[in-house]
Amino acid sequence: MLTWIIVILLVLWLLGYFGPNVFSGIPRSGNAIHTLLVIVIILVILNLLGVL
């Protein structure tokens, strides 16, 4: 379950980061990209430590 959340957040981050350059219909998301990246990194670290 946690792995799927990490994958979904990572895909959303990639879409937000590269999306506006590739597809003109995707708006720029600003700080939300960095927030998603921080959440993904925290979840990965917690998963590696065995907390979650």
C-alpha atoms as a PDB file:
ATOM      1  CA  MET A   1       0.000   0.000   0.000  1.00  0.00           C
ATOM      2  CA  LEU A   2       2.736   2.453   0.929  1.00  0.00           C
ATOM      3  CA  THR A   3       4.637   1.554  -2.218  1.00  0.00           C
ATOM      4  CA  TRP A   4       1.635   2.509  -4.362  1.00  0.00           C
ATOM      5  CA  ILE A   5       1.309   5.839  -2.567  1.00  0.00           C
ATOM      6  CA  ILE A   6       4.990   6.543  -3.189  1.00  0.00           C
ATOM      7  CA  VAL A   7       4.661   5.607  -6.866  1.00  0.00           C
ATOM      8  CA  ILE A   8       1.544   7.756  -7.340  1.00  0.00           C
ATOM      9  CA  LEU A   9       3.149  10.765  -5.655  1.00  0.00           C
ATOM     10  CA  LEU A  10       6.292  10.320  -7.725  1.00  0.00           C
ATOM     11  CA  VAL A  11       4.281  10.140 -10.958  1.00  0.00           C
ATOM     12  CA  LEU A  12       2.329  13.263  -9.966  1.00  0.00           C
ATOM     13  CA  TRP A  13       5.589  15.052  -9.208  1.00  0.00           C
ATOM     14  CA  LEU A  14       7.040  14.058 -12.578  1.00  0.00           C
ATOM     15  CA  LEU A  15       3.893  15.229 -14.361  1.00  0.00           C
ATOM     16  CA  GLY A  16       4.007  18.531 -12.533  1.00  0.00           C
ATOM     17  CA  TYR A  17       7.694  19.026 -13.255  1.00  0.00           C
ATOM     18  CA  PHE A  18       7.920  17.893 -16.878  1.00  0.00           C
ATOM     19  CA  GLY A  19       4.260  18.203 -17.863  1.00  0.00           C
ATOM     20  CA  PRO A  20       4.109  21.882 -18.848  1.00  0.00           C
ATOM     21  CA  ASN A  21       7.149  21.477 -21.099  1.00  0.00           C
ATOM     22  CA  VAL A  22       5.796  18.385 -22.864  1.00  0.00           C
ATOM     23  CA  PHE A  23       2.028  19.019 -22.839  1.00  0.00           C
ATOM     24  CA  SER A  24       0.914  22.636 -23.080  1.00  0.00           C
ATOM     25  CA  GLY A  25      -2.453  21.817 -21.462  1.00  0.00           C
ATOM     26  CA  ILE A  26      -0.919  21.047 -18.044  1.00  0.00           C
ATOM     27  CA  PRO A  27      -0.574  24.247 -15.966  1.00  0.00           C
ATOM     28  CA  ARG A  28       2.536  25.056 -13.970  1.00  0.00           C
ATOM     29  CA  SER A  29       2.076  23.955 -10.369  1.00  0.00           C
ATOM     30  CA  GLY A  30       4.818  25.909  -8.589  1.00  0.00           C
ATOM     31  CA  ASN A  31       5.584  24.861  -5.017  1.00  0.00           C
ATOM     32  CA  ALA A  32       3.284  21.820  -5.124  1.00  0.00           C
ATOM     33  CA  ILE A  33       5.990  19.995  -7.086  1.00  0.00           C
ATOM     34  CA  HIS A  34       8.516  20.431  -4.314  1.00  0.00           C
ATOM     35  CA  THR A  35       5.972  19.525  -1.645  1.00  0.00           C
ATOM     36  CA  LEU A  36       5.201  16.230  -3.413  1.00  0.00           C
ATOM     37  CA  LEU A  37       8.917  15.510  -3.744  1.00  0.00           C
ATOM     38  CA  VAL A  38       9.500  16.074  -0.025  1.00  0.00           C
ATOM     39  CA  ILE A  39       6.562  13.801   0.859  1.00  0.00           C
ATOM     40  CA  VAL A  40       7.917  11.061  -1.411  1.00  0.00           C
ATOM     41  CA  ILE A  41      11.412  11.318   0.078  1.00  0.00           C
ATOM     42  CA  ILE A  42      10.054  11.179   3.644  1.00  0.00           C
ATOM     43  CA  LEU A  43       7.902   8.136   2.852  1.00  0.00           C
ATOM     44  CA  VAL A  44      10.827   6.339   1.206  1.00  0.00           C
ATOM     45  CA  ILE A  45      13.093   7.011   4.187  1.00  0.00           C
ATOM     46  CA  LEU A  46      10.440   5.868   6.664  1.00  0.00           C
ATOM     47  CA  ASN A  47       9.840   2.752   4.573  1.00  0.00           C
ATOM     48  CA  LEU A  48      13.574   1.952   4.506  1.00  0.00           C
ATOM     49  CA  LEU A  49      13.818   2.399   8.264  1.00  0.00           C
ATOM     50  CA  GLY A  50      10.873   0.074   8.761  1.00  0.00           C
ATOM     51  CA  VAL A  51       8.742   2.611  10.583  1.00  0.00           C
ATOM     52  CA  LEU A  52       5.855   2.243   8.138  1.00  0.00           C
END
